Amino acid sequence: MSGPREKLIYVAAIYTGTEQAKPDYLATVDVEPSSPTYSSVIHILSMPYLGDELHHSGWNSCSSCNGDSSCERSYLILPSLLSGRIYVIDTKTNPREPTLHKFVDPAEVLEKTGLSYPHQPHCLASGDVLVSCLGDEDGNAEGSGFLLLDSEFNIKGRWEKDGNSPLFGYDFWYQPRHKTMISTSWGAPSAFTKGFDLEDVSDGLYGKHLHVYSWPEGKLKQILDLGDTGLLPLEVSPNLAISDFGSEPDGPALAHEMRYRGGDCTSDIWV
């Protein structure tokens, strides 16, 4: 890794399940070893509402935009799993004290796309942002899909073609060289929002599939059933080698996942 060492990290802190009526917040942590505040929380940005449950996050711009000088990593995208709000945090103006730029209204998302329970955002080379959503308003997994936002974080619509929604949603990543995107599976929001129940697994409310999409067309080409020993395939690994989608003269390509090595889950997917 030839890039400069990170001096700050941003950590989502949530109050779900704590019985404390406080808003979730984004903590700024100093990770510069020479700093007098090294390894300390130096700023807290509280969200304006209660009951969000901040979850995964992503940048408005990343390595997918390599070579495009008009793209800049200026905003952190923070979806809220329970409330459906998608917060956009300005980290450029003052990186040590980020501020709330705007949020995408869940009612507008629902009205225009039918999607709810936003989970994982990823930037696109175009400057747009793609967000996986895990269900419909009632928490049914059949309503899952992908929300497409433009570079100003306005709603463009659903990314996948009509009738091409995944069985369950969770993480995803795309590999343009193979014209392929893979999405993974968690469960129905109606199940996981009330706490894990083993009976929900046997009732089919949790997934065991990988979904293979054409990129960037959004057509579901294949569903890979991992069976009862492959339940809840969550993360797409930063070292995911996609080597079985046709012969490539340059060999397998690596799919980029925007997380630290090791990720935040243990269910890395290898294909």
Protein backbone atom coordinates (compact mmCIF):
# COMPACT_ATOMS: atom_id res chain seq x y z
CA MET A 1 0.00 0.00 0.00
CA SER A 2 1.68 3.18 -1.21
CA GLY A 3 -0.95 5.66 -0.04
CA PRO A 4 -0.42 7.97 2.95
CA ARG A 5 -1.24 6.71 6.41
CA GLU A 6 -4.69 7.66 7.68
CA LYS A 7 -4.64 10.30 10.42
CA LEU A 8 -8.34 10.11 11.29
CA ILE A 9 -11.00 7.41 11.29
CA TYR A 10 -14.75 7.77 11.62
CA VAL A 11 -16.68 5.31 13.78
CA ALA A 12 -20.47 4.98 13.95
CA ALA A 13 -21.79 4.62 17.51
CA ILE A 14 -25.35 3.41 18.07
CA TYR A 15 -27.75 3.21 21.00
CA THR A 16 -30.02 0.47 19.65
CA GLY A 17 -30.80 -2.02 22.41
CA THR A 18 -29.31 0.12 25.19
CA GLU A 19 -32.66 1.50 26.42
CA GLN A 20 -31.14 4.98 26.22
CA ALA A 21 -33.12 7.61 24.31
CA LYS A 22 -30.12 9.20 22.64
CA PRO A 23 -29.31 9.79 18.97
CA ASP A 24 -26.61 7.74 17.30
CA TYR A 25 -23.41 9.60 16.55
CA LEU A 26 -20.32 9.60 14.40
CA ALA A 27 -17.09 9.65 16.40
CA THR A 28 -13.88 11.08 14.96
CA VAL A 29 -10.84 9.20 16.27
CA ASP A 30 -7.27 10.51 16.04
CA VAL A 31 -4.98 7.72 14.73
CA GLU A 32 -1.84 9.80 14.12
CA PRO A 33 0.81 8.28 16.44
CA SER A 34 2.65 11.59 16.93
CA SER A 35 -0.50 13.45 17.94
CA PRO A 36 -1.12 14.32 21.61
CA THR A 37 -4.70 13.06 21.18
CA TYR A 38 -3.66 9.78 19.54
CA SER A 39 -6.24 6.97 19.93
CA SER A 40 -8.79 9.39 21.41
CA VAL A 41 -12.24 10.47 20.30
CA ILE A 42 -11.74 14.11 19.35
CA HIS A 43 -15.22 14.94 18.05
CA ILE A 44 -18.77 13.64 18.22
CA LEU A 45 -21.40 14.42 15.59
CA SER A 46 -24.84 13.47 16.89
CA MET A 47 -27.57 12.67 14.40
CA PRO A 48 -30.69 14.89 14.54
CA TYR A 49 -33.13 12.01 15.18
CA LEU A 50 -33.58 9.07 17.52
CA GLY A 51 -33.83 5.43 16.50
CA ASP A 52 -31.68 5.44 13.35
CA GLU A 53 -29.25 2.55 13.94
CA LEU A 54 -26.35 3.68 11.81
CA HIS A 55 -24.86 0.70 10.05
CA HIS A 56 -22.32 0.34 7.25
CA SER A 57 -20.78 3.43 5.67
CA GLY A 58 -19.03 4.36 2.44
CA TRP A 59 -17.42 7.26 0.62
CA ASN A 60 -18.88 9.31 -2.22
CA SER A 61 -15.65 8.68 -4.13
CA CYS A 62 -13.08 5.88 -3.96
CA SER A 63 -10.67 3.92 -6.12
CA SER A 64 -13.41 3.35 -8.72
CA CYS A 65 -12.90 7.02 -9.64
CA ASN A 66 -9.13 6.68 -10.07
CA GLY A 67 -7.81 9.11 -12.66
CA ASP A 68 -10.85 11.39 -12.54
CA SER A 69 -9.64 14.67 -11.01
CA SER A 70 -13.21 15.92 -10.62
CA CYS A 71 -13.95 13.23 -8.02
CA GLU A 72 -12.92 13.78 -4.42
CA ARG A 73 -13.49 11.88 -1.20
CA SER A 74 -15.51 14.62 0.50
CA TYR A 75 -18.58 12.93 1.94
CA LEU A 76 -19.21 9.91 4.12
CA ILE A 77 -22.50 8.13 3.40
CA LEU A 78 -24.23 6.80 6.53
CA PRO A 79 -27.39 4.74 5.96
CA SER A 80 -29.67 4.13 8.94
CA LEU A 81 -30.95 0.58 8.98
CA LEU A 82 -34.09 1.15 11.07
CA SER A 83 -35.23 4.69 10.26
CA GLY A 84 -34.26 4.49 6.60
CA ARG A 85 -32.51 7.86 6.59
CA ILE A 86 -29.31 8.11 4.60
CA TYR A 87 -27.04 10.76 6.12
CA VAL A 88 -24.41 12.55 4.07
CA ILE A 89 -21.54 13.81 6.21
CA ASP A 90 -19.16 16.56 5.05
CA THR A 91 -15.64 15.40 5.99
CA LYS A 92 -13.79 17.79 3.69
CA THR A 93 -14.48 21.22 5.19
CA ASN A 94 -13.11 20.26 8.59
CA PRO A 95 -12.01 16.60 8.70
CA ARG A 96 -11.52 16.71 12.47
CA GLU A 97 -15.04 18.06 13.03
CA PRO A 98 -17.29 16.71 10.27
CA THR A 99 -20.77 18.16 9.82
CA LEU A 100 -24.13 16.98 8.50
CA HIS A 101 -24.47 18.00 4.85
CA LYS A 102 -27.95 16.56 4.22
CA PHE A 103 -29.98 13.39 4.56
CA VAL A 104 -32.05 11.45 2.06
CA ASP A 105 -35.65 11.24 3.28
CA PRO A 106 -36.83 7.62 3.66
CA ALA A 107 -40.39 8.61 2.72
CA GLU A 108 -39.14 9.93 -0.61
CA VAL A 109 -37.08 6.77 -1.19
CA LEU A 110 -40.13 4.63 -0.47
CA GLU A 111 -42.40 6.69 -2.69
CA LYS A 112 -40.05 6.66 -5.68
CA THR A 113 -38.57 3.17 -5.41
CA GLY A 114 -40.48 1.07 -2.86
CA LEU A 115 -37.18 0.41 -1.07
CA SER A 116 -36.51 0.55 2.66
CA TYR A 117 -33.90 -0.57 5.22
CA PRO A 118 -30.81 0.92 3.48
CA HIS A 119 -27.64 -0.93 4.34
CA GLN A 120 -24.44 -0.76 2.27
CA PRO A 121 -23.32 2.22 0.12
CA HIS A 122 -20.63 2.05 -2.55
CA CYS A 123 -19.41 4.78 -4.87
CA LEU A 124 -19.44 4.35 -8.63
CA ALA A 125 -16.94 5.57 -11.21
CA SER A 126 -19.63 7.92 -12.55
CA GLY A 127 -19.81 9.79 -9.22
CA ASP A 128 -23.16 8.20 -8.39
CA VAL A 129 -23.68 6.20 -5.19
CA LEU A 130 -25.33 2.78 -5.01
CA VAL A 131 -26.98 1.62 -1.78
CA SER A 132 -28.26 -1.87 -1.05
CA CYS A 133 -31.70 -1.90 0.58
CA LEU A 134 -32.89 -4.96 2.44
CA GLY A 135 -36.66 -4.88 2.15
CA ASP A 136 -39.89 -3.02 1.59
CA GLU A 137 -41.85 -0.85 4.01
CA ASP A 138 -43.23 -3.91 5.81
CA GLY A 139 -39.86 -5.60 6.18
CA ASN A 140 -40.35 -8.21 3.48
CA ALA A 141 -37.15 -9.38 1.81
CA GLU A 142 -38.99 -9.63 -1.50
CA GLY A 143 -38.84 -5.83 -1.61
CA SER A 144 -35.04 -5.66 -1.49
CA GLY A 145 -32.97 -4.00 -4.20
CA PHE A 146 -30.51 -1.23 -4.98
CA LEU A 147 -31.04 2.51 -4.61
CA LEU A 148 -29.16 4.75 -7.05
CA LEU A 149 -28.25 8.30 -5.94
CA ASP A 150 -26.61 10.91 -8.13
CA SER A 151 -23.46 12.84 -7.19
CA GLU A 152 -25.60 15.39 -5.32
CA PHE A 153 -27.32 12.55 -3.42
CA ASN A 154 -30.65 12.96 -5.18
CA ILE A 155 -32.72 9.85 -5.87
CA LYS A 156 -32.34 8.52 -9.41
CA GLY A 157 -34.35 5.33 -8.88
CA ARG A 158 -33.69 1.63 -8.58
CA TRP A 159 -30.52 0.32 -10.20
CA GLU A 160 -31.61 -3.22 -11.03
CA LYS A 161 -34.00 -3.91 -13.88
CA ASP A 162 -37.67 -4.59 -13.10
CA GLY A 163 -38.13 -8.15 -11.87
CA ASN A 164 -34.41 -8.55 -11.10
CA SER A 165 -34.37 -7.97 -7.34
CA PRO A 166 -32.24 -10.25 -5.14
CA LEU A 167 -33.91 -12.82 -2.89
CA PHE A 168 -32.21 -11.13 0.09
CA GLY A 169 -29.89 -8.15 0.30
CA TYR A 170 -26.75 -7.25 2.21
CA ASP A 171 -23.35 -6.37 0.72
CA PHE A 172 -22.28 -6.10 -2.93
CA TRP A 173 -19.41 -5.15 -5.16
CA TYR A 174 -18.88 -4.85 -8.88
CA GLN A 175 -15.99 -5.75 -11.20
CA PRO A 176 -16.19 -3.72 -14.44
CA ARG A 177 -13.54 -5.83 -16.22
CA HIS A 178 -15.84 -8.82 -15.90
CA LYS A 179 -19.02 -6.75 -16.35
CA THR A 180 -20.28 -8.41 -13.19
CA MET A 181 -21.64 -7.49 -9.78
CA ILE A 182 -22.10 -9.91 -6.88
CA SER A 183 -24.52 -9.27 -4.03
CA THR A 184 -24.81 -11.30 -0.84
CA SER A 185 -27.60 -12.26 1.55
CA TRP A 186 -28.66 -11.48 5.12
CA GLY A 187 -32.31 -11.80 6.02
CA ALA A 188 -35.76 -10.27 6.02
CA PRO A 189 -35.93 -7.05 8.07
CA SER A 190 -39.10 -8.38 9.70
CA ALA A 191 -36.90 -11.12 11.20
CA PHE A 192 -33.56 -9.51 12.09
CA THR A 193 -35.01 -6.27 13.53
CA LYS A 194 -36.63 -8.21 16.37
CA GLY A 195 -33.50 -10.18 17.24
CA PHE A 196 -32.12 -13.44 15.96
CA ASP A 197 -34.45 -16.42 16.24
CA LEU A 198 -33.28 -19.81 14.95
CA GLU A 199 -36.83 -20.64 13.86
CA ASP A 200 -36.67 -17.75 11.40
CA VAL A 201 -33.82 -19.57 9.67
CA SER A 202 -35.85 -22.74 9.23
CA ASP A 203 -38.79 -20.60 8.10
CA GLY A 204 -36.72 -19.24 5.23
CA LEU A 205 -36.38 -15.69 6.52
CA TYR A 206 -32.58 -15.69 6.15
CA GLY A 207 -30.66 -16.08 2.92
CA LYS A 208 -28.07 -18.51 1.57
CA HIS A 209 -27.49 -17.11 -1.90
CA LEU A 210 -25.09 -15.11 -4.00
CA HIS A 211 -26.65 -13.04 -6.77
CA VAL A 212 -24.71 -12.49 -9.99
CA TYR A 213 -25.69 -9.36 -11.94
CA SER A 214 -24.60 -7.99 -15.28
CA TRP A 215 -22.74 -4.72 -14.80
CA PRO A 216 -23.79 -2.02 -15.34
CA GLU A 217 -27.08 -3.21 -16.87
CA GLY A 218 -28.55 -4.56 -13.64
CA LYS A 219 -29.86 -7.87 -14.98
CA LEU A 220 -29.84 -10.83 -12.60
CA LYS A 221 -27.91 -13.51 -14.50
CA GLN A 222 -27.56 -16.23 -11.88
CA ILE A 223 -28.44 -17.12 -8.28
CA LEU A 224 -25.96 -19.37 -6.49
CA ASP A 225 -27.58 -21.43 -3.73
CA LEU A 226 -24.94 -22.19 -1.08
CA GLY A 227 -27.13 -24.71 0.72
CA ASP A 228 -27.74 -25.18 4.42
CA THR A 229 -24.02 -24.98 5.17
CA GLY A 230 -23.77 -21.60 3.45
CA LEU A 231 -26.33 -19.61 5.39
CA LEU A 232 -26.01 -15.82 5.70
CA PRO A 233 -23.14 -15.14 3.28
CA LEU A 234 -22.49 -11.55 4.31
CA GLU A 235 -19.35 -9.71 3.26
CA VAL A 236 -17.72 -9.54 -0.14
CA SER A 237 -14.05 -9.94 0.77
CA PRO A 238 -11.46 -7.28 -0.19
CA ASN A 239 -9.51 -10.18 -1.67
CA LEU A 240 -12.43 -11.68 -3.60
CA ALA A 241 -10.96 -13.26 -6.71
CA ILE A 242 -13.56 -13.48 -9.46
CA SER A 243 -12.10 -16.08 -11.76
CA ASP A 244 -15.00 -18.14 -13.03
CA PHE A 245 -16.91 -15.71 -15.24
CA GLY A 246 -15.02 -16.46 -18.42
CA SER A 247 -11.43 -16.70 -19.54
CA GLU A 248 -9.42 -13.50 -19.05
CA PRO A 249 -5.94 -13.09 -20.58
CA ASP A 250 -4.78 -11.14 -17.52
CA GLY A 251 -5.99 -13.78 -15.07
CA PRO A 252 -8.36 -13.31 -12.11
CA ALA A 253 -9.28 -9.76 -11.13
CA LEU A 254 -9.54 -8.54 -7.56
CA ALA A 255 -12.79 -6.98 -6.42
CA HIS A 256 -12.22 -3.93 -4.23
CA GLU A 257 -14.12 -3.68 -0.94
CA MET A 258 -13.84 -0.49 1.02
CA ARG A 259 -12.97 -1.79 4.45
CA TYR A 260 -9.88 -2.40 6.50
CA ARG A 261 -8.33 -5.80 6.01
CA GLY A 262 -10.24 -8.21 8.19
CA GLY A 263 -13.50 -6.32 7.71
CA ASP A 264 -16.23 -5.99 10.30
CA CYS A 265 -17.73 -9.45 9.88
CA THR A 266 -16.37 -12.96 9.74
CA SER A 267 -18.43 -14.21 6.80
CA ASP A 268 -16.09 -13.27 3.96
CA ILE A 269 -17.14 -14.75 0.62
CA TRP A 270 -14.70 -16.52 -1.69
CA VAL A 271 -15.80 -17.58 -5.16
